[in-house]
Amino acid sequence: MSYVITSDKTELKIGTCIEALRVPAQSGDLIVFQIGKRIGIGRWYPDICGVDWIRQPGRLIACVGDTPVRIIGLVIPTEDPPKEITNLTVTEYATALFDRRKLKG
């Protein structure tokens, strides 16, 4: 799914285009999530003291209570990528995120 950032409640600048890659998220990954009818972007931190957390600039969300939290996917920017990853496919980029490789240009 494609999204455009329209809020300053994320570490991405307003107007950034992203894709939500449907792969399992790991701790610290930037994700697209849904709580109720609201969709947001934040960093995923599962099972810290028995609670899953989402961190956004100036906000920490505890995933508790009756409202379900759904991870839609991993955030992949669709704009021109940084110089060090311009020759990678989306699959290679996602693999690099999971491998936690340091991509150097």
Protein backbone atom coordinates (compact mmCIF):
# COMPACT_ATOMS: atom_id res chain seq x y z
CA MET A 1 0.00 0.00 0.00
CA SER A 2 1.19 3.53 -0.75
CA TYR A 3 0.94 6.47 1.64
CA VAL A 4 1.91 10.15 1.75
CA ILE A 5 3.04 11.67 5.06
CA THR A 6 0.58 14.41 6.10
CA SER A 7 1.50 14.82 9.78
CA ASP A 8 4.45 16.08 11.77
CA LYS A 9 3.94 13.22 14.26
CA THR A 10 6.53 11.08 12.47
CA GLU A 11 10.25 11.25 11.89
CA LEU A 12 9.60 11.57 8.13
CA LYS A 13 8.99 14.96 6.59
CA ILE A 14 5.53 15.98 5.41
CA GLY A 15 4.99 15.04 1.76
CA THR A 16 7.25 11.97 1.85
CA CYS A 17 5.86 9.06 -0.21
CA ILE A 18 6.21 5.59 1.33
CA GLU A 19 5.17 1.99 0.76
CA ALA A 20 4.16 -0.40 3.54
CA LEU A 21 6.07 -3.62 2.90
CA ARG A 22 4.11 -6.54 4.36
CA VAL A 23 6.89 -8.35 6.23
CA PRO A 24 7.29 -9.08 9.96
CA ALA A 25 8.56 -6.08 11.93
CA GLN A 26 11.51 -6.32 14.28
CA SER A 27 12.20 -4.18 17.33
CA GLY A 28 13.11 -0.64 16.31
CA ASP A 29 11.70 -0.89 12.77
CA LEU A 30 9.74 2.05 11.35
CA ILE A 31 6.23 0.74 10.69
CA VAL A 32 2.84 1.79 9.38
CA PHE A 33 0.24 0.84 11.99
CA GLN A 34 -3.50 1.11 12.52
CA ILE A 35 -5.29 1.73 15.82
CA GLY A 36 -9.03 1.74 15.35
CA LYS A 37 -9.61 3.80 12.20
CA ARG A 38 -6.41 5.85 12.54
CA ILE A 39 -3.26 5.07 10.57
CA GLY A 40 0.13 6.22 11.81
CA ILE A 41 3.88 5.71 11.52
CA GLY A 42 6.21 4.95 14.38
CA ARG A 43 9.00 2.77 15.69
CA TRP A 44 7.90 -0.69 16.89
CA TYR A 45 9.18 -2.03 20.23
CA PRO A 46 7.47 -5.35 21.11
CA ASP A 47 7.27 -7.02 24.51
CA ILE A 48 9.05 -4.55 26.76
CA CYS A 49 7.93 -5.43 30.29
CA GLY A 50 5.07 -7.42 28.76
CA VAL A 51 3.74 -4.52 26.66
CA ASP A 52 4.17 -3.68 22.97
CA TRP A 53 5.09 -0.03 22.28
CA ILE A 54 5.10 2.37 19.35
CA ARG A 55 7.30 5.48 19.57
CA GLN A 56 6.61 8.65 17.63
CA PRO A 57 8.30 12.03 18.06
CA GLY A 58 7.08 13.39 21.41
CA ARG A 59 4.77 10.41 21.99
CA LEU A 60 4.98 6.87 23.34
CA ILE A 61 2.01 4.59 22.65
CA ALA A 62 1.40 1.51 24.83
CA CYS A 63 -0.54 -1.15 22.93
CA VAL A 64 -2.98 -2.08 25.70
CA GLY A 65 -6.74 -2.10 26.14
CA ASP A 66 -9.58 -3.22 23.91
CA THR A 67 -8.67 -1.29 20.75
CA PRO A 68 -6.71 -3.60 18.41
CA VAL A 69 -3.35 -2.45 17.05
CA ARG A 70 -2.48 -3.78 13.60
CA ILE A 71 0.93 -3.51 11.96
CA ILE A 72 0.27 -2.81 8.29
CA GLY A 73 3.89 -3.08 7.19
CA LEU A 74 7.46 -1.88 7.26
CA VAL A 75 8.03 1.67 5.97
CA ILE A 76 9.90 1.82 2.67
CA PRO A 77 10.40 5.32 1.18
CA THR A 78 9.47 5.43 -2.51
CA GLU A 79 11.23 8.69 -3.29
CA ASP A 80 14.77 8.83 -4.63
CA PRO A 81 16.78 6.68 -2.21
CA PRO A 82 20.02 7.85 -0.61
CA LYS A 83 23.14 7.55 -2.77
CA GLU A 84 24.40 4.44 -0.96
CA ILE A 85 21.36 2.32 -1.92
CA THR A 86 20.46 3.56 -5.40
CA ASN A 87 21.37 0.24 -7.02
CA LEU A 88 19.23 -1.94 -4.66
CA THR A 89 15.83 -3.39 -5.48
CA VAL A 90 13.01 -3.08 -2.92
CA THR A 91 13.64 -6.71 -1.92
CA GLU A 92 17.37 -6.08 -1.43
CA TYR A 93 16.58 -2.93 0.56
CA ALA A 94 14.17 -4.85 2.81
CA THR A 95 16.77 -7.61 3.27
CA ALA A 96 19.33 -4.99 4.27
CA LEU A 97 16.94 -3.60 6.87
CA PHE A 98 16.46 -7.05 8.37
CA ASP A 99 20.16 -7.91 8.23
CA ARG A 100 20.95 -4.60 9.96
CA ARG A 101 23.79 -4.07 7.53
CA LYS A 102 25.43 -0.67 7.47
CA LEU A 103 25.02 0.56 3.89
CA LYS A 104 27.99 2.74 3.04
CA GLY A 105 28.41 4.86 -0.09
